[in-house]
Amino acid sequence: MSQTINKTHQGQIIGGIFSNRENADKAVKAFEDLNICSENIQVVVQLDEKQAKDACTDMLSDRGFSESQARYHDKIIREGKILVAVHEVTDPAPIIDIFDKYDAEYNPNGSRNLREVV
């Protein structure tokens, strides 16, 4: 499940968590097909342990995530999940549809998809 993570000056950041690299890649391709600028598509995967200690939380905070959200996503990335984030979103519906289509998760274990609950 994707979620709105933060609002920026020109739009929102919407992210989705994937267990499967193939689905993450398909979602990125779908965003590109929507003519979303590649600079506004961010894919974060697990780094080696030394790089991961500082890089993820700092990098996510620098890209507009709140500190608590950056820590949460850092944790799930360390668990081997993939974070795909789309920045500067002004119309969230097609972004959320793509995340849903390619099985983005909300919880790190994939147990809860808020789109189904709402």
Protein backbone atom coordinates (compact mmCIF):
# COMPACT_ATOMS: atom_id res chain seq x y z
CA MET A 1 0.00 0.00 0.00
CA SER A 2 1.24 3.38 -0.79
CA GLN A 3 0.89 6.28 1.54
CA THR A 4 1.35 10.00 1.42
CA ILE A 5 4.50 10.54 3.37
CA ASN A 6 5.07 14.25 3.31
CA LYS A 7 3.97 17.41 1.56
CA THR A 8 6.57 19.47 -0.23
CA HIS A 9 6.23 22.97 -1.63
CA GLN A 10 4.98 21.78 -5.02
CA GLY A 11 3.37 18.46 -4.16
CA GLN A 12 3.37 15.36 -2.04
CA ILE A 13 5.78 12.51 -1.64
CA ILE A 14 4.00 9.18 -2.04
CA GLY A 15 5.85 5.97 -1.31
CA GLY A 16 5.29 2.27 -1.57
CA ILE A 17 7.17 -0.64 -0.03
CA PHE A 18 7.89 -3.72 -2.11
CA SER A 19 9.11 -7.20 -1.16
CA ASN A 20 9.65 -8.04 -4.80
CA ARG A 21 12.19 -6.19 -6.98
CA GLU A 22 10.29 -7.14 -10.15
CA ASN A 23 7.12 -5.40 -8.93
CA ALA A 24 9.12 -2.35 -7.84
CA ASP A 25 10.70 -2.15 -11.30
CA LYS A 26 7.29 -2.48 -12.97
CA ALA A 27 5.93 0.35 -10.82
CA VAL A 28 8.90 2.57 -11.74
CA LYS A 29 8.32 1.82 -15.43
CA ALA A 30 4.63 2.70 -15.04
CA PHE A 31 5.58 6.02 -13.41
CA GLU A 32 7.92 6.75 -16.30
CA ASP A 33 5.10 5.90 -18.73
CA LEU A 34 3.03 8.57 -16.92
CA ASN A 35 5.79 11.03 -17.87
CA ILE A 36 6.94 11.48 -14.29
CA CYS A 37 10.41 12.99 -14.36
CA SER A 38 13.03 10.41 -13.38
CA GLU A 39 14.41 12.94 -10.86
CA ASN A 40 11.11 12.60 -8.98
CA ILE A 41 11.25 8.79 -8.77
CA GLN A 42 13.41 7.42 -5.98
CA VAL A 43 14.23 3.75 -5.43
CA VAL A 44 15.94 2.82 -2.18
CA VAL A 45 17.34 -0.67 -1.68
CA GLN A 46 19.41 -2.22 1.07
CA LEU A 47 23.03 -1.14 1.12
CA ASP A 48 25.84 -3.13 2.65
CA GLU A 49 25.92 -2.90 6.44
CA LYS A 50 28.58 -0.17 6.65
CA GLN A 51 26.82 2.09 4.14
CA ALA A 52 23.42 1.40 5.67
CA LYS A 53 24.35 2.64 9.15
CA ASP A 54 24.06 6.31 8.22
CA ALA A 55 23.01 6.60 4.61
CA CYS A 56 19.34 5.63 4.56
CA THR A 57 17.96 7.80 7.36
CA ASP A 58 20.05 10.81 6.33
CA MET A 59 19.22 10.44 2.65
CA LEU A 60 15.50 10.01 3.28
CA SER A 61 15.42 13.02 5.61
CA ASP A 62 17.22 15.07 2.98
CA ARG A 63 14.59 14.09 0.38
CA GLY A 64 11.66 15.42 2.44
CA PHE A 65 10.68 12.52 4.69
CA SER A 66 10.00 13.39 8.31
CA GLU A 67 12.55 12.01 10.76
CA SER A 68 10.15 9.35 12.10
CA GLN A 69 9.20 8.26 8.58
CA ALA A 70 12.86 8.14 7.56
CA ARG A 71 13.66 5.90 10.55
CA TYR A 72 10.70 3.62 9.74
CA HIS A 73 11.69 3.28 6.08
CA ASP A 74 15.33 2.80 7.05
CA LYS A 75 14.23 -0.17 9.17
CA ILE A 76 12.21 -1.81 6.40
CA ILE A 77 15.00 -1.24 3.87
CA ARG A 78 17.45 -2.96 6.24
CA GLU A 79 15.01 -5.90 6.31
CA GLY A 80 15.45 -6.26 2.56
CA LYS A 81 12.36 -4.38 1.35
CA ILE A 82 12.47 -1.85 -1.47
CA LEU A 83 11.11 1.67 -1.10
CA VAL A 84 9.87 3.46 -4.20
CA ALA A 85 8.94 7.10 -3.66
CA VAL A 86 7.48 9.60 -6.09
CA HIS A 87 8.17 13.24 -5.30
CA GLU A 88 6.32 16.41 -6.29
CA VAL A 89 2.98 14.62 -6.77
CA THR A 90 0.10 17.00 -7.44
CA ASP A 91 -2.47 14.34 -8.44
CA PRO A 92 -2.06 11.32 -6.16
CA ALA A 93 -4.75 9.06 -7.69
CA PRO A 94 -2.72 7.64 -10.62
CA ILE A 95 0.34 7.20 -8.39
CA ILE A 96 -1.66 5.28 -5.80
CA ASP A 97 -3.28 3.19 -8.53
CA ILE A 98 0.16 2.13 -9.79
CA PHE A 99 1.36 1.26 -6.29
CA ASP A 100 -1.80 -0.79 -5.75
CA LYS A 101 -1.52 -2.50 -9.16
CA TYR A 102 2.01 -3.71 -8.41
CA ASP A 103 1.28 -4.81 -4.82
CA ALA A 104 3.05 -2.15 -2.80
CA GLU A 105 2.78 -2.92 0.89
CA TYR A 106 2.11 -0.73 3.89
CA ASN A 107 3.52 -2.82 6.72
CA PRO A 108 6.98 -4.33 6.33
CA ASN A 109 5.49 -7.82 6.52
CA GLY A 110 2.82 -6.95 3.94
CA SER A 111 0.04 -7.82 6.39
CA ARG A 112 -2.03 -4.68 5.95
CA ASN A 113 -3.04 -2.84 2.82
CA LEU A 114 -4.80 0.37 3.84
CA ARG A 115 -6.35 0.79 0.38
CA GLU A 116 -8.46 -2.29 1.09
CA VAL A 117 -9.42 -1.04 4.56
CA VAL A 118 -10.56 2.42 3.48
